[in-house]
Amino acid sequence: MATTFMDKQQKQLLKKFYVLLGKAGIGNEGKEAILHSYGVESSKELSAHDLMDICNRLEMEADPELKELDKHRKRLIAVIFGYFK
């Protein structure tokens, strides 16, 4: 069976998911709560899109500076689109 691009991406995202769980100090109970919120029993059942979403949220939680930068980015986007209305 040939490995597709999405399979490779999902494997990389799974690794990133576990690293970010460790950085954020989230244990098995927290991991299972995250998985349950996506309606799956195992992290391998998550789609690449779901994994990207989870990883982005975990990165924001692990690094408060990223959270602040994201807030400023969203404000800038709102100002730009407000200007064109």
Protein backbone atom coordinates (compact mmCIF):
# COMPACT_ATOMS: atom_id res chain seq x y z
CA MET A 1 0.00 0.00 0.00
CA ALA A 2 1.42 3.35 -1.04
CA THR A 3 1.70 6.09 1.55
CA THR A 4 -0.09 9.24 0.47
CA PHE A 5 0.79 12.82 1.29
CA MET A 6 -2.13 13.05 3.70
CA ASP A 7 -0.98 9.91 5.53
CA LYS A 8 2.48 11.43 6.00
CA GLN A 9 0.99 14.72 7.13
CA GLN A 10 -1.28 12.96 9.62
CA LYS A 11 1.69 11.06 11.11
CA GLN A 12 3.64 14.30 11.50
CA LEU A 13 0.66 16.00 13.10
CA LEU A 14 0.19 13.09 15.51
CA LYS A 15 3.79 13.50 16.65
CA LYS A 16 3.29 17.24 17.02
CA PHE A 17 0.06 16.60 18.96
CA TYR A 18 1.86 14.48 21.55
CA VAL A 19 4.77 16.93 21.86
CA LEU A 20 2.36 19.82 22.43
CA LEU A 21 0.40 17.81 25.00
CA GLY A 22 3.64 17.36 26.91
CA LYS A 23 4.61 21.03 26.64
CA ALA A 24 1.18 22.12 27.85
CA GLY A 25 1.33 19.63 30.74
CA ILE A 26 -1.82 17.82 29.65
CA GLY A 27 -2.05 14.24 30.90
CA ASN A 28 -4.06 11.25 29.75
CA GLU A 29 -7.32 12.56 31.19
CA GLY A 30 -6.95 15.84 29.33
CA LYS A 31 -6.01 14.06 26.13
CA GLU A 32 -9.05 11.83 26.38
CA ALA A 33 -11.26 14.88 26.98
CA ILE A 34 -9.89 16.47 23.81
CA LEU A 35 -10.46 13.28 21.83
CA HIS A 36 -13.97 12.91 23.24
CA SER A 37 -14.83 16.46 22.16
CA TYR A 38 -14.00 15.40 18.58
CA GLY A 39 -16.07 12.22 18.92
CA VAL A 40 -13.19 9.74 18.66
CA GLU A 41 -11.63 7.19 20.99
CA SER A 42 -8.08 7.28 19.61
CA SER A 43 -5.88 10.05 18.26
CA LYS A 44 -5.32 7.92 15.15
CA GLU A 45 -9.00 8.38 14.28
CA LEU A 46 -8.59 12.16 13.99
CA SER A 47 -8.42 13.66 10.52
CA ALA A 48 -5.47 15.81 9.49
CA HIS A 49 -7.74 18.87 9.63
CA ASP A 50 -8.81 18.08 13.20
CA LEU A 51 -5.20 17.50 14.23
CA MET A 52 -4.16 20.85 12.76
CA ASP A 53 -6.96 22.56 14.67
CA ILE A 54 -6.02 20.87 17.94
CA CYS A 55 -2.30 21.59 17.48
CA ASN A 56 -2.97 25.27 16.77
CA ARG A 57 -5.06 25.55 19.93
CA LEU A 58 -2.45 23.73 22.01
CA GLU A 59 0.30 26.01 20.67
CA MET A 60 -1.75 29.05 21.69
CA GLU A 61 -2.21 27.65 25.18
CA ALA A 62 1.44 26.67 25.56
CA ASP A 63 2.76 30.08 24.44
CA PRO A 64 0.87 33.15 25.73
CA GLU A 65 2.86 35.37 23.35
CA LEU A 66 1.38 33.51 20.37
CA LYS A 67 -2.08 34.04 21.80
CA GLU A 68 -1.45 37.78 22.04
CA LEU A 69 -0.05 37.91 18.50
CA ASP A 70 -3.08 36.05 17.19
CA LYS A 71 -5.36 38.58 18.87
CA HIS A 72 -3.50 41.44 17.16
CA ARG A 73 -3.60 39.62 13.82
CA LYS A 74 -7.37 39.22 14.06
CA ARG A 75 -7.79 42.90 14.94
CA LEU A 76 -5.69 43.92 11.94
CA ILE A 77 -7.76 41.75 9.62
CA ALA A 78 -10.96 43.30 11.02
CA VAL A 79 -9.60 46.82 10.45
CA ILE A 80 -8.59 46.04 6.87
CA PHE A 81 -11.96 44.55 5.99
CA GLY A 82 -13.74 47.38 7.80
CA TYR A 83 -11.87 49.87 5.65
CA PHE A 84 -13.16 48.26 2.44
CA LYS A 85 -16.83 48.27 3.48
